[in-house]
Amino acid sequence: MKQPFNNPGVAQKQADFFSLTKAEQAMEIQAMLNDFAAWMEENFLLSPYQEEQIASMPEDFKAMLSTSIAECWESNQPVRFNKETRATDDRSPKDIIIGKGVSTEADASAALSSAGTGLYILIRYRPLI
């Protein structure tokens, strides 16, 4: 079942993932690694603009993101995900902050490429100028 692409929806997707058998988890991870954009569209209720944003991400960024998520899940750890909410639509410019081996936004900002387990993903909207 598709989930909304927000904090509760991502949490539910991860809960669903961890309830799968190991073989089912491996298939889910492989699908994500094979085509991150298609996996996102299959698992989340995305707006046309969100689909466009994901499709336009550089391939190396999508590969890094899917590999990082896969490594976290293979370690039986959920991704710590925080997507800021907006009163308006999702078309505002945004930053994606990713930290490995961290558990909070402050840690992610301070150590984006640190070693270790765990993954923190923050989607932050930039102020409109």
N, C-alpha and C. Protein backbone atom coordinates (compact mmCIF):
# COMPACT_ATOMS: atom_id res chain seq x y z
N MET A 1 0.84 -1.18 0.00
CA MET A 1 0.00 0.00 0.00
C MET A 1 0.89 1.24 0.00
N LYS A 2 0.56 2.20 -0.86
CA LYS A 2 1.32 3.44 -0.92
C LYS A 2 1.07 4.27 0.33
N GLN A 3 2.13 4.91 0.78
CA GLN A 3 2.06 5.78 1.95
C GLN A 3 2.28 7.23 1.53
N PRO A 4 1.75 8.18 2.29
CA PRO A 4 2.07 9.58 2.00
C PRO A 4 3.57 9.81 2.20
N PHE A 5 4.13 10.73 1.42
CA PHE A 5 5.56 11.03 1.58
C PHE A 5 5.70 12.14 2.61
N ASN A 6 5.53 11.74 3.86
CA ASN A 6 5.70 12.63 5.01
C ASN A 6 6.27 11.77 6.15
N ASN A 7 6.48 12.38 7.30
CA ASN A 7 7.10 11.65 8.40
C ASN A 7 6.32 10.40 8.82
N PRO A 8 4.99 10.49 9.05
CA PRO A 8 4.25 9.28 9.41
C PRO A 8 4.24 8.23 8.29
N GLY A 9 4.16 8.68 7.03
CA GLY A 9 4.14 7.74 5.91
C GLY A 9 5.44 6.98 5.77
N VAL A 10 6.57 7.67 5.94
CA VAL A 10 7.88 7.01 5.87
C VAL A 10 8.04 6.05 7.05
N ALA A 11 7.58 6.47 8.23
CA ALA A 11 7.66 5.58 9.40
C ALA A 11 6.83 4.31 9.16
N GLN A 12 5.65 4.45 8.56
CA GLN A 12 4.82 3.28 8.28
C GLN A 12 5.48 2.38 7.24
N LYS A 13 6.07 2.97 6.21
CA LYS A 13 6.77 2.18 5.19
C LYS A 13 7.88 1.36 5.83
N GLN A 14 8.63 1.98 6.72
CA GLN A 14 9.72 1.27 7.38
C GLN A 14 9.18 0.17 8.29
N ALA A 15 8.09 0.43 9.01
CA ALA A 15 7.49 -0.60 9.85
C ALA A 15 7.04 -1.78 8.98
N ASP A 16 6.44 -1.48 7.83
CA ASP A 16 6.03 -2.53 6.90
C ASP A 16 7.24 -3.33 6.43
N PHE A 17 8.33 -2.61 6.10
CA PHE A 17 9.55 -3.27 5.62
C PHE A 17 10.08 -4.24 6.67
N PHE A 18 10.17 -3.79 7.92
CA PHE A 18 10.75 -4.63 8.97
C PHE A 18 9.84 -5.78 9.38
N SER A 19 8.59 -5.76 8.93
CA SER A 19 7.70 -6.89 9.21
C SER A 19 7.81 -7.98 8.13
N LEU A 20 8.55 -7.70 7.05
CA LEU A 20 8.73 -8.67 5.98
C LEU A 20 9.73 -9.75 6.39
N THR A 21 9.67 -10.88 5.70
CA THR A 21 10.70 -11.91 5.90
C THR A 21 12.02 -11.38 5.34
N LYS A 22 13.12 -12.01 5.71
CA LYS A 22 14.43 -11.59 5.20
C LYS A 22 14.48 -11.67 3.67
N ALA A 23 13.87 -12.68 3.10
CA ALA A 23 13.86 -12.81 1.63
C ALA A 23 13.05 -11.68 1.00
N GLU A 24 11.92 -11.34 1.60
CA GLU A 24 11.11 -10.24 1.08
C GLU A 24 11.83 -8.91 1.23
N GLN A 25 12.53 -8.73 2.37
CA GLN A 25 13.33 -7.52 2.56
C GLN A 25 14.40 -7.41 1.49
N ALA A 26 15.06 -8.50 1.18
CA ALA A 26 16.12 -8.50 0.17
C ALA A 26 15.55 -8.10 -1.19
N MET A 27 14.36 -8.60 -1.52
CA MET A 27 13.73 -8.23 -2.80
C MET A 27 13.36 -6.75 -2.82
N GLU A 28 12.87 -6.23 -1.70
CA GLU A 28 12.50 -4.81 -1.61
C GLU A 28 13.74 -3.93 -1.77
N ILE A 29 14.81 -4.30 -1.10
CA ILE A 29 16.06 -3.54 -1.20
C ILE A 29 16.58 -3.58 -2.64
N GLN A 30 16.54 -4.74 -3.27
CA GLN A 30 17.04 -4.84 -4.64
C GLN A 30 16.22 -3.98 -5.59
N ALA A 31 14.90 -3.95 -5.40
CA ALA A 31 14.05 -3.10 -6.24
C ALA A 31 14.43 -1.63 -6.07
N MET A 32 14.71 -1.22 -4.83
CA MET A 32 15.10 0.17 -4.57
C MET A 32 16.45 0.47 -5.22
N LEU A 33 17.40 -0.47 -5.11
CA LEU A 33 18.72 -0.26 -5.70
C LEU A 33 18.67 -0.25 -7.22
N ASN A 34 17.80 -1.05 -7.79
CA ASN A 34 17.69 -1.12 -9.25
C ASN A 34 17.14 0.15 -9.87
N ASP A 35 16.14 0.76 -9.24
CA ASP A 35 15.51 1.95 -9.80
C ASP A 35 14.85 2.73 -8.67
N PHE A 36 15.61 3.64 -8.08
CA PHE A 36 15.13 4.39 -6.91
C PHE A 36 13.86 5.18 -7.23
N ALA A 37 13.82 5.84 -8.37
CA ALA A 37 12.65 6.65 -8.72
C ALA A 37 11.40 5.78 -8.84
N ALA A 38 11.51 4.65 -9.51
CA ALA A 38 10.36 3.75 -9.65
C ALA A 38 9.94 3.20 -8.29
N TRP A 39 10.91 2.86 -7.44
CA TRP A 39 10.59 2.36 -6.11
C TRP A 39 9.84 3.41 -5.30
N MET A 40 10.28 4.66 -5.37
CA MET A 40 9.58 5.73 -4.66
C MET A 40 8.15 5.87 -5.16
N GLU A 41 7.96 5.83 -6.48
CA GLU A 41 6.62 5.96 -7.05
C GLU A 41 5.73 4.79 -6.67
N GLU A 42 6.30 3.60 -6.53
CA GLU A 42 5.53 2.41 -6.16
C GLU A 42 5.14 2.40 -4.68
N ASN A 43 5.91 3.10 -3.84
CA ASN A 43 5.72 3.00 -2.40
C ASN A 43 5.13 4.23 -1.73
N PHE A 44 5.16 5.37 -2.41
CA PHE A 44 4.68 6.61 -1.79
C PHE A 44 3.71 7.34 -2.71
N LEU A 45 2.77 8.03 -2.10
CA LEU A 45 1.84 8.90 -2.82
C LEU A 45 2.58 10.20 -3.09
N LEU A 46 3.05 10.35 -4.31
CA LEU A 46 3.84 11.52 -4.68
C LEU A 46 3.03 12.44 -5.59
N SER A 47 3.24 13.72 -5.42
CA SER A 47 2.63 14.68 -6.34
C SER A 47 3.40 14.61 -7.66
N PRO A 48 2.80 15.09 -8.75
CA PRO A 48 3.55 15.12 -10.01
C PRO A 48 4.87 15.90 -9.87
N TYR A 49 4.87 16.97 -9.08
CA TYR A 49 6.09 17.75 -8.89
C TYR A 49 7.15 16.93 -8.14
N GLN A 50 6.73 16.17 -7.13
CA GLN A 50 7.68 15.32 -6.41
C GLN A 50 8.26 14.25 -7.33
N GLU A 51 7.41 13.66 -8.17
CA GLU A 51 7.90 12.67 -9.13
C GLU A 51 8.94 13.29 -10.06
N GLU A 52 8.66 14.51 -10.50
CA GLU A 52 9.59 15.23 -11.37
C GLU A 52 10.91 15.51 -10.65
N GLN A 53 10.83 15.92 -9.38
CA GLN A 53 12.05 16.19 -8.61
C GLN A 53 12.91 14.94 -8.47
N ILE A 54 12.29 13.82 -8.16
CA ILE A 54 13.03 12.57 -7.98
C ILE A 54 13.64 12.14 -9.31
N ALA A 55 12.87 12.24 -10.38
CA ALA A 55 13.38 11.84 -11.69
C ALA A 55 14.56 12.71 -12.13
N SER A 56 14.58 13.96 -11.70
CA SER A 56 15.64 14.87 -12.13
C SER A 56 16.88 14.85 -11.22
N MET A 57 16.84 14.08 -10.14
CA MET A 57 18.02 13.96 -9.28
C MET A 57 19.15 13.30 -10.07
N PRO A 58 20.38 13.73 -9.85
CA PRO A 58 21.51 13.06 -10.52
C PRO A 58 21.54 11.57 -10.17
N GLU A 59 21.90 10.76 -11.15
CA GLU A 59 21.92 9.30 -10.94
C GLU A 59 22.85 8.90 -9.80
N ASP A 60 24.00 9.56 -9.68
CA ASP A 60 24.92 9.20 -8.61
C ASP A 60 24.34 9.54 -7.24
N PHE A 61 23.54 10.60 -7.14
CA PHE A 61 22.89 10.94 -5.87
C PHE A 61 21.84 9.90 -5.52
N LYS A 62 21.03 9.49 -6.51
CA LYS A 62 20.01 8.46 -6.25
C LYS A 62 20.68 7.15 -5.84
N ALA A 63 21.80 6.81 -6.47
CA ALA A 63 22.53 5.59 -6.12
C ALA A 63 23.07 5.67 -4.70
N MET A 64 23.65 6.81 -4.33
CA MET A 64 24.17 7.00 -2.98
C MET A 64 23.05 6.91 -1.96
N LEU A 65 21.92 7.54 -2.26
CA LEU A 65 20.79 7.55 -1.34
C LEU A 65 20.22 6.14 -1.15
N SER A 66 19.98 5.44 -2.25
CA SER A 66 19.41 4.09 -2.13
C SER A 66 20.40 3.13 -1.46
N THR A 67 21.68 3.26 -1.76
CA THR A 67 22.69 2.41 -1.12
C THR A 67 22.75 2.68 0.38
N SER A 68 22.68 3.95 0.77
CA SER A 68 22.72 4.31 2.19
C SER A 68 21.50 3.76 2.93
N ILE A 69 20.33 3.88 2.31
CA ILE A 69 19.11 3.34 2.93
C ILE A 69 19.23 1.82 3.03
N ALA A 70 19.69 1.17 1.97
CA ALA A 70 19.84 -0.29 1.97
C ALA A 70 20.78 -0.74 3.09
N GLU A 71 21.91 -0.07 3.23
CA GLU A 71 22.88 -0.44 4.28
C GLU A 71 22.26 -0.30 5.67
N CYS A 72 21.50 0.74 5.86
CA CYS A 72 20.85 0.97 7.15
C CYS A 72 19.84 -0.15 7.42
N TRP A 73 18.98 -0.42 6.45
CA TRP A 73 17.97 -1.47 6.62
C TRP A 73 18.60 -2.85 6.79
N GLU A 74 19.68 -3.12 6.05
CA GLU A 74 20.36 -4.41 6.19
C GLU A 74 20.98 -4.57 7.57
N SER A 75 21.22 -3.45 8.26
CA SER A 75 21.72 -3.48 9.64
C SER A 75 20.57 -3.51 10.65
N ASN A 76 19.35 -3.71 10.13
CA ASN A 76 18.14 -3.75 10.96
C ASN A 76 17.90 -2.46 11.72
N GLN A 77 18.24 -1.35 11.09
CA GLN A 77 18.01 -0.04 11.68
C GLN A 77 17.11 0.78 10.78
N PRO A 78 16.11 1.43 11.35
CA PRO A 78 15.31 2.33 10.51
C PRO A 78 16.09 3.60 10.18
N VAL A 79 15.76 4.18 9.06
CA VAL A 79 16.33 5.48 8.69
C VAL A 79 15.62 6.53 9.55
N ARG A 80 16.38 7.44 10.10
CA ARG A 80 15.77 8.56 10.83
C ARG A 80 15.46 9.62 9.78
N PHE A 81 14.18 9.86 9.59
CA PHE A 81 13.71 10.70 8.49
C PHE A 81 12.92 11.86 9.06
N ASN A 82 13.19 13.06 8.55
CA ASN A 82 12.43 14.24 8.95
C ASN A 82 12.22 15.12 7.73
N LYS A 83 10.99 15.24 7.32
CA LYS A 83 10.62 16.12 6.21
C LYS A 83 9.80 17.26 6.79
N GLU A 84 10.35 18.45 6.70
CA GLU A 84 9.62 19.61 7.21
C GLU A 84 8.30 19.76 6.46
N THR A 85 7.32 20.28 7.14
CA THR A 85 6.02 20.50 6.51
C THR A 85 5.92 21.94 6.06
N ARG A 86 5.10 22.15 5.05
CA ARG A 86 4.88 23.49 4.51
C ARG A 86 3.39 23.76 4.49
N ALA A 87 3.03 24.98 4.67
CA ALA A 87 1.63 25.37 4.56
C ALA A 87 1.20 25.39 3.10
N THR A 88 2.17 25.59 2.19
CA THR A 88 1.87 25.64 0.76
C THR A 88 2.35 24.36 0.09
N ASP A 89 2.42 24.36 -1.21
CA ASP A 89 2.81 23.14 -1.92
C ASP A 89 4.31 22.87 -1.82
N ASP A 90 4.72 21.74 -2.39
CA ASP A 90 6.10 21.26 -2.31
C ASP A 90 7.04 21.89 -3.33
N ARG A 91 6.63 22.94 -4.00
CA ARG A 91 7.45 23.50 -5.08
C ARG A 91 8.56 24.42 -4.58
N SER A 92 8.59 24.72 -3.30
CA SER A 92 9.63 25.58 -2.77
C SER A 92 10.98 24.89 -2.88
N PRO A 93 12.05 25.68 -3.05
CA PRO A 93 13.38 25.06 -3.06
C PRO A 93 13.65 24.36 -1.73
N LYS A 94 14.36 23.24 -1.81
CA LYS A 94 14.63 22.49 -0.59
C LYS A 94 16.02 21.89 -0.64
N ASP A 95 16.51 21.56 0.53
CA ASP A 95 17.79 20.89 0.66
C ASP A 95 17.52 19.50 1.24
N ILE A 96 18.32 18.54 0.83
CA ILE A 96 18.28 17.21 1.41
C ILE A 96 19.60 17.04 2.15
N ILE A 97 19.51 16.89 3.46
CA ILE A 97 20.70 16.73 4.30
C ILE A 97 20.74 15.27 4.74
N ILE A 98 21.86 14.63 4.48
CA ILE A 98 22.01 13.22 4.78
C ILE A 98 23.23 13.06 5.68
N GLY A 99 23.06 12.34 6.77
CA GLY A 99 24.17 12.04 7.66
C GLY A 99 24.22 10.57 7.97
N LYS A 100 25.37 9.96 7.78
CA LYS A 100 25.55 8.54 8.13
C LYS A 100 26.17 8.46 9.51
N GLY A 101 25.70 7.49 10.27
CA GLY A 101 26.24 7.28 11.61
C GLY A 101 25.79 8.33 12.60
N VAL A 102 24.65 8.97 12.31
CA VAL A 102 24.14 10.02 13.17
C VAL A 102 22.67 9.76 13.46
N SER A 103 22.15 10.46 14.45
CA SER A 103 20.76 10.24 14.81
C SER A 103 19.95 11.52 14.94
N THR A 104 20.58 12.66 14.75
CA THR A 104 19.84 13.91 14.88
C THR A 104 20.25 14.87 13.78
N GLU A 105 19.44 15.88 13.58
CA GLU A 105 19.76 16.90 12.57
C GLU A 105 21.08 17.59 12.88
N ALA A 106 21.32 17.91 14.15
CA ALA A 106 22.58 18.58 14.51
C ALA A 106 23.78 17.70 14.19
N ASP A 107 23.66 16.40 14.49
CA ASP A 107 24.74 15.47 14.17
C ASP A 107 24.94 15.38 12.66
N ALA A 108 23.83 15.35 11.91
CA ALA A 108 23.92 15.24 10.45
C ALA A 108 24.60 16.47 9.86
N SER A 109 24.27 17.63 10.37
CA SER A 109 24.88 18.85 9.87
C SER A 109 26.37 18.89 10.20
N ALA A 110 26.75 18.33 11.33
CA ALA A 110 28.15 18.39 11.75
C ALA A 110 29.01 17.30 11.13
N ALA A 111 28.40 16.19 10.74
CA ALA A 111 29.21 15.06 10.28
C ALA A 111 28.54 14.34 9.13
N LEU A 112 28.39 15.01 8.02
CA LEU A 112 27.66 14.44 6.89
C LEU A 112 28.29 13.16 6.36
N SER A 113 29.58 13.01 6.45
CA SER A 113 30.21 11.83 5.87
C SER A 113 30.86 10.94 6.92
N SER A 114 30.37 10.99 8.14
CA SER A 114 30.98 10.19 9.20
C SER A 114 30.72 8.70 8.97
N ALA A 115 31.61 7.89 9.50
CA ALA A 115 31.44 6.44 9.40
C ALA A 115 30.51 5.98 10.52
N GLY A 116 30.02 4.78 10.38
CA GLY A 116 29.18 4.21 11.42
C GLY A 116 27.85 3.78 10.86
N THR A 117 27.02 3.30 11.74
CA THR A 117 25.71 2.84 11.31
C THR A 117 24.69 3.93 11.55
N GLY A 118 23.55 3.73 11.00
CA GLY A 118 22.49 4.71 11.15
C GLY A 118 22.53 5.71 10.02
N LEU A 119 21.37 6.25 9.74
CA LEU A 119 21.23 7.22 8.66
C LEU A 119 20.18 8.22 9.05
N TYR A 120 20.48 9.47 8.83
CA TYR A 120 19.53 10.56 9.09
C TYR A 120 19.32 11.31 7.79
N ILE A 121 18.05 11.46 7.39
CA ILE A 121 17.70 12.21 6.19
C ILE A 121 16.76 13.34 6.60
N LEU A 122 17.14 14.54 6.26
CA LEU A 122 16.33 15.73 6.54
C LEU A 122 16.02 16.42 5.22
N ILE A 123 14.75 16.69 4.99
CA ILE A 123 14.34 17.50 3.85
C ILE A 123 13.89 18.83 4.42
N ARG A 124 14.65 19.86 4.11
CA ARG A 124 14.42 21.19 4.67
C ARG A 124 14.11 22.17 3.55
N TYR A 125 13.08 22.96 3.76
CA TYR A 125 12.69 23.97 2.77
C TYR A 125 13.51 25.24 2.98
N ARG A 126 13.93 25.81 1.89
CA ARG A 126 14.66 27.08 1.95
C ARG A 126 13.65 28.22 2.04
N PRO A 127 14.02 29.28 2.71
CA PRO A 127 13.12 30.44 2.75
C PRO A 127 12.97 31.05 1.35
N LEU A 128 11.78 31.44 1.05
CA LEU A 128 11.55 32.13 -0.23
C LEU A 128 12.07 33.55 -0.13
N ILE A 129 12.77 33.97 -1.14
CA ILE A 129 13.38 35.31 -1.12
C ILE A 129 12.51 36.25 -1.91
